[in-house]
C-alpha atoms as a PDB file:
ATOM      1  CA  MET A   1      15.652  -2.318   9.353  1.00  0.00           C
ATOM      2  CA  LYS A   2      13.805  -0.065  11.823  1.00  0.00           C
ATOM      3  CA  ILE A   3      13.565   2.614   9.138  1.00  0.00           C
ATOM      4  CA  VAL A   4      11.950   0.131   6.733  1.00  0.00           C
ATOM      5  CA  ARG A   5       9.421  -0.896   9.379  1.00  0.00           C
ATOM      6  CA  ALA A   6       8.652   2.738  10.108  1.00  0.00           C
ATOM      7  CA  ALA A   7       8.167   3.387   6.391  1.00  0.00           C
ATOM      8  CA  PHE A   8       5.757   0.428   6.173  1.00  0.00           C
ATOM      9  CA  ALA A   9       3.838   1.742   9.164  1.00  0.00           C
ATOM     10  CA  ILE A  10       3.590   5.206   7.614  1.00  0.00           C
ATOM     11  CA  CYS A  11       2.410   3.709   4.300  1.00  0.00           C
ATOM     12  CA  MET A  12      -0.279   1.768   6.131  1.00  0.00           C
ATOM     13  CA  LEU A  13      -1.493   4.943   7.834  1.00  0.00           C
ATOM     14  CA  LEU A  14      -1.664   6.770   4.508  1.00  0.00           C
ATOM     15  CA  LEU A  15      -3.686   4.051   2.773  1.00  0.00           C
ATOM     16  CA  PRO A  16      -7.411   4.644   2.667  1.00  0.00           C
ATOM     17  CA  PRO A  17      -9.377   2.374   4.970  1.00  0.00           C
ATOM     18  CA  ALA A  18     -10.547  -0.865   3.405  1.00  0.00           C
ATOM     19  CA  GLY A  19     -14.173  -0.412   2.533  1.00  0.00           C
ATOM     20  CA  PRO A  20     -16.421  -1.536  -0.246  1.00  0.00           C
ATOM     21  CA  ALA A  21     -14.378  -1.840  -3.413  1.00  0.00           C
ATOM     22  CA  ASN A  22     -15.119   0.374  -6.362  1.00  0.00           C
ATOM     23  CA  ALA A  23     -16.288  -2.024  -9.076  1.00  0.00           C
ATOM     24  CA  ASP A  24     -14.633   0.206 -11.676  1.00  0.00           C
ATOM     25  CA  ASP A  25     -11.210  -0.013 -10.031  1.00  0.00           C
ATOM     26  CA  PRO A  26      -9.716  -3.513 -10.277  1.00  0.00           C
ATOM     27  CA  VAL A  27      -6.599  -2.469  -8.329  1.00  0.00           C
ATOM     28  CA  GLU A  28      -8.637  -1.327  -5.327  1.00  0.00           C
ATOM     29  CA  THR A  29     -10.720  -4.502  -5.510  1.00  0.00           C
ATOM     30  CA  VAL A  30      -7.607  -6.691  -5.683  1.00  0.00           C
ATOM     31  CA  GLN A  31      -5.967  -4.866  -2.781  1.00  0.00           C
ATOM     32  CA  ASN A  32      -9.084  -5.517  -0.688  1.00  0.00           C
ATOM     33  CA  VAL A  33      -8.993  -9.215  -1.656  1.00  0.00           C
ATOM     34  CA  ILE A  34      -5.319  -9.523  -0.681  1.00  0.00           C
ATOM     35  CA  ALA A  35      -5.777  -7.645   2.596  1.00  0.00           C
ATOM     36  CA  SER A  36      -8.790  -9.793   3.462  1.00  0.00           C
ATOM     37  CA  GLN A  37      -6.865 -12.993   2.833  1.00  0.00           C
ATOM     38  CA  ILE A  38      -3.918 -11.806   4.944  1.00  0.00           C
ATOM     39  CA  GLU A  39      -6.358 -10.895   7.733  1.00  0.00           C
ATOM     40  CA  ALA A  40      -7.814 -14.424   7.487  1.00  0.00           C
ATOM     41  CA  PHE A  41      -4.307 -15.897   7.849  1.00  0.00           C
ATOM     42  CA  LEU A  42      -3.711 -13.748  10.927  1.00  0.00           C
ATOM     43  CA  ARG A  43      -6.959 -15.095  12.460  1.00  0.00           C
ATOM     44  CA  ASP A  44      -6.033 -18.693  11.486  1.00  0.00           C
ATOM     45  CA  ASP A  45      -9.275 -18.799   9.512  1.00  0.00           C
ATOM     46  CA  ALA A  46      -8.483 -21.426   6.878  1.00  0.00           C
ATOM     47  CA  ALA A  47     -11.966 -21.340   5.337  1.00  0.00           C
ATOM     48  CA  ALA A  48     -11.903 -17.575   4.795  1.00  0.00           C
ATOM     49  CA  ALA A  49      -8.334 -17.619   3.422  1.00  0.00           C
ATOM     50  CA  TYR A  50      -9.160 -20.499   1.068  1.00  0.00           C
ATOM     51  CA  ALA A  51     -12.209 -18.636  -0.254  1.00  0.00           C
ATOM     52  CA  PHE A  52      -9.847 -16.156  -1.982  1.00  0.00           C
ATOM     53  CA  ALA A  53      -7.940 -18.893  -3.865  1.00  0.00           C
ATOM     54  CA  SER A  54      -8.533 -19.249  -7.602  1.00  0.00           C
ATOM     55  CA  PRO A  55      -9.862 -22.462  -9.146  1.00  0.00           C
ATOM     56  CA  THR A  56      -6.308 -23.234 -10.340  1.00  0.00           C
ATOM     57  CA  ILE A  57      -4.983 -23.066  -6.768  1.00  0.00           C
ATOM     58  CA  ARG A  58      -7.955 -25.097  -5.533  1.00  0.00           C
ATOM     59  CA  GLN A  59      -7.078 -27.844  -8.038  1.00  0.00           C
ATOM     60  CA  LYS A  60      -3.548 -28.040  -6.602  1.00  0.00           C
ATOM     61  CA  PHE A  61      -4.787 -27.851  -3.003  1.00  0.00           C
ATOM     62  CA  PRO A  62      -8.275 -29.377  -2.997  1.00  0.00           C
ATOM     63  CA  ASP A  63      -9.075 -28.652   0.651  1.00  0.00           C
ATOM     64  CA  GLU A  64      -8.618 -25.853   3.173  1.00  0.00           C
ATOM     65  CA  ALA A  65      -6.182 -27.807   5.352  1.00  0.00           C
ATOM     66  CA  SER A  66      -3.701 -28.579   2.561  1.00  0.00           C
ATOM     67  CA  PHE A  67      -3.877 -25.002   1.287  1.00  0.00           C
ATOM     68  CA  PHE A  68      -3.368 -23.529   4.747  1.00  0.00           C
ATOM     69  CA  ASP A  69      -0.455 -25.882   5.446  1.00  0.00           C
ATOM     70  CA  MET A  70       1.217 -24.918   2.147  1.00  0.00           C
ATOM     71  CA  VAL A  71       0.945 -21.211   2.961  1.00  0.00           C
ATOM     72  CA  ARG A  72       2.178 -21.705   6.529  1.00  0.00           C
ATOM     73  CA  ARG A  73       5.244 -23.672   5.351  1.00  0.00           C
ATOM     74  CA  GLY A  74       6.117 -21.914   2.104  1.00  0.00           C
ATOM     75  CA  TYR A  75       4.863 -18.359   2.531  1.00  0.00           C
ATOM     76  CA  ALA A  76       5.541 -17.501   6.172  1.00  0.00           C
ATOM     77  CA  PRO A  77       5.855 -13.731   5.520  1.00  0.00           C
ATOM     78  CA  VAL A  78       2.356 -13.740   3.982  1.00  0.00           C
ATOM     79  CA  TYR A  79       0.976 -16.039   6.676  1.00  0.00           C
ATOM     80  CA  ARG A  80       2.343 -13.908   9.531  1.00  0.00           C
ATOM     81  CA  PRO A  81       3.412 -10.478   8.281  1.00  0.00           C
ATOM     82  CA  GLY A  82       4.790  -7.985  10.754  1.00  0.00           C
ATOM     83  CA  ASN A  83       3.528  -5.171   8.512  1.00  0.00           C
ATOM     84  CA  PHE A  84       2.498  -4.936   4.889  1.00  0.00           C
ATOM     85  CA  ALA A  85       1.781  -2.206   2.361  1.00  0.00           C
ATOM     86  CA  PHE A  86       0.797  -2.178  -1.276  1.00  0.00           C
ATOM     87  CA  GLY A  87       3.365  -1.272  -3.913  1.00  0.00           C
ATOM     88  CA  ARG A  88       3.061  -1.061  -7.672  1.00  0.00           C
ATOM     89  CA  SER A  89       0.299  -2.741  -9.639  1.00  0.00           C
ATOM     90  CA  LYS A  90      -0.265  -3.669 -13.268  1.00  0.00           C
ATOM     91  CA  VAL A  91      -3.578  -4.499 -14.923  1.00  0.00           C
ATOM     92  CA  THR A  92      -3.547  -6.632 -18.068  1.00  0.00           C
ATOM     93  CA  GLY A  93      -6.965  -7.756 -19.236  1.00  0.00           C
ATOM     94  CA  ASP A  94      -8.530  -9.809 -16.434  1.00  0.00           C
ATOM     95  CA  THR A  95      -5.253 -10.179 -14.515  1.00  0.00           C
ATOM     96  CA  VAL A  96      -3.845  -7.819 -11.892  1.00  0.00           C
ATOM     97  CA  LEU A  97      -0.269  -8.071 -10.662  1.00  0.00           C
ATOM     98  CA  GLN A  98       0.041  -6.427  -7.258  1.00  0.00           C
ATOM     99  CA  GLU A  99       3.209  -5.909  -5.249  1.00  0.00           C
ATOM    100  CA  VAL A 100       2.862  -6.261  -1.497  1.00  0.00           C
ATOM    101  CA  LEU A 101       5.772  -5.023   0.593  1.00  0.00           C
ATOM    102  CA  ILE A 102       6.037  -7.192   3.684  1.00  0.00           C
ATOM    103  CA  SER A 103       8.086  -6.890   6.826  1.00  0.00           C
ATOM    104  CA  GLY A 104       8.039 -10.457   8.096  1.00  0.00           C
ATOM    105  CA  SER A 105       7.534 -11.269  11.747  1.00  0.00           C
ATOM    106  CA  ASP A 106      11.196 -12.368  11.732  1.00  0.00           C
ATOM    107  CA  GLY A 107      12.265  -8.841  10.717  1.00  0.00           C
ATOM    108  CA  LYS A 108      13.180  -9.752   7.116  1.00  0.00           C
ATOM    109  CA  ASP A 109      11.734  -7.698   4.279  1.00  0.00           C
ATOM    110  CA  TRP A 110       9.984  -9.248   1.292  1.00  0.00           C
ATOM    111  CA  THR A 111       8.118  -8.278  -1.834  1.00  0.00           C
ATOM    112  CA  ALA A 112       5.228 -10.575  -2.653  1.00  0.00           C
ATOM    113  CA  VAL A 113       3.968 -10.274  -6.222  1.00  0.00           C
ATOM    114  CA  TYR A 114       0.376 -11.454  -6.322  1.00  0.00           C
ATOM    115  CA  GLN A 115      -1.320 -12.611  -9.517  1.00  0.00           C
ATOM    116  CA  VAL A 116      -5.048 -12.054  -9.106  1.00  0.00           C
ATOM    117  CA  VAL A 117      -7.478 -13.099 -11.823  1.00  0.00           C
ATOM    118  CA  ARG A 118     -11.020 -11.902 -12.503  1.00  0.00           C
ATOM    119  CA  GLN A 119     -13.501 -14.771 -12.515  1.00  0.00           C
ATOM    120  CA  SER A 120     -16.530 -15.208 -14.768  1.00  0.00           C
ATOM    121  CA  ASP A 121     -18.782 -13.964 -11.938  1.00  0.00           C
ATOM    122  CA  GLY A 122     -16.774 -10.710 -11.720  1.00  0.00           C
ATOM    123  CA  SER A 123     -14.984 -11.567  -8.477  1.00  0.00           C
ATOM    124  CA  TYR A 124     -11.180 -11.637  -8.184  1.00  0.00           C
ATOM    125  CA  LYS A 125      -9.299 -14.686  -6.893  1.00  0.00           C
ATOM    126  CA  ILE A 126      -5.633 -15.070  -6.008  1.00  0.00           C
ATOM    127  CA  ASN A 127      -3.925 -17.269  -8.596  1.00  0.00           C
ATOM    128  CA  GLY A 128      -0.382 -17.217  -7.227  1.00  0.00           C
ATOM    129  CA  VAL A 129       2.200 -15.358  -5.183  1.00  0.00           C
ATOM    130  CA  HIS A 130       5.871 -14.952  -6.034  1.00  0.00           C
ATOM    131  CA  MET A 131       8.087 -14.092  -3.055  1.00  0.00           C
ATOM    132  CA  ILE A 132      11.195 -11.946  -3.540  1.00  0.00           C
ATOM    133  CA  ARG A 133      13.609 -11.362  -0.673  1.00  0.00           C
ATOM    134  CA  ALA A 134      14.026  -7.579  -0.446  1.00  0.00           C
ATOM    135  CA  ALA A 135      17.593  -6.379  -0.401  1.00  0.00           C
ATOM    136  CA  PRO A 136      18.540  -4.010   2.437  1.00  0.00           C
ATOM    137  CA  GLY A 137      18.813  -0.366   1.457  1.00  0.00           C
ATOM    138  CA  SER A 138      22.306   0.989   0.893  1.00  0.00           C
ATOM    139  CA  GLY A 139      23.721   3.925   2.769  1.00  0.00           C
ATOM    140  CA  ILE A 140      21.334   3.819   5.698  1.00  0.00           C
END
């Protein structure tokens, strides 16, 4: 487990600093959106976190409080990650699937697969997250 955390920390150090997204690179833009939402969760800033939710998510959770409560209860590793790093990504039309490797604050490892959709105004909004419990590595 300590090796996985160290690997996450190294990945985070090797990532370029989050700056203005390149409009031509949807993956970079989406990674900035995801990182910004996670940072909002870490600050307990419900309004900022909710601003990254797609219209579909906003229909299911029509206010910041219900959205924030859902994330806190159902997506604890995203709400309070120990560490996170970006994994693989796939762009299909206006949708980006982005893996986020998370070491939860409880020490358990997760892969969160984000579905992020481009909006009519050109922005990207998070349309869903699928959590997968990461299996421990063998032979370590």
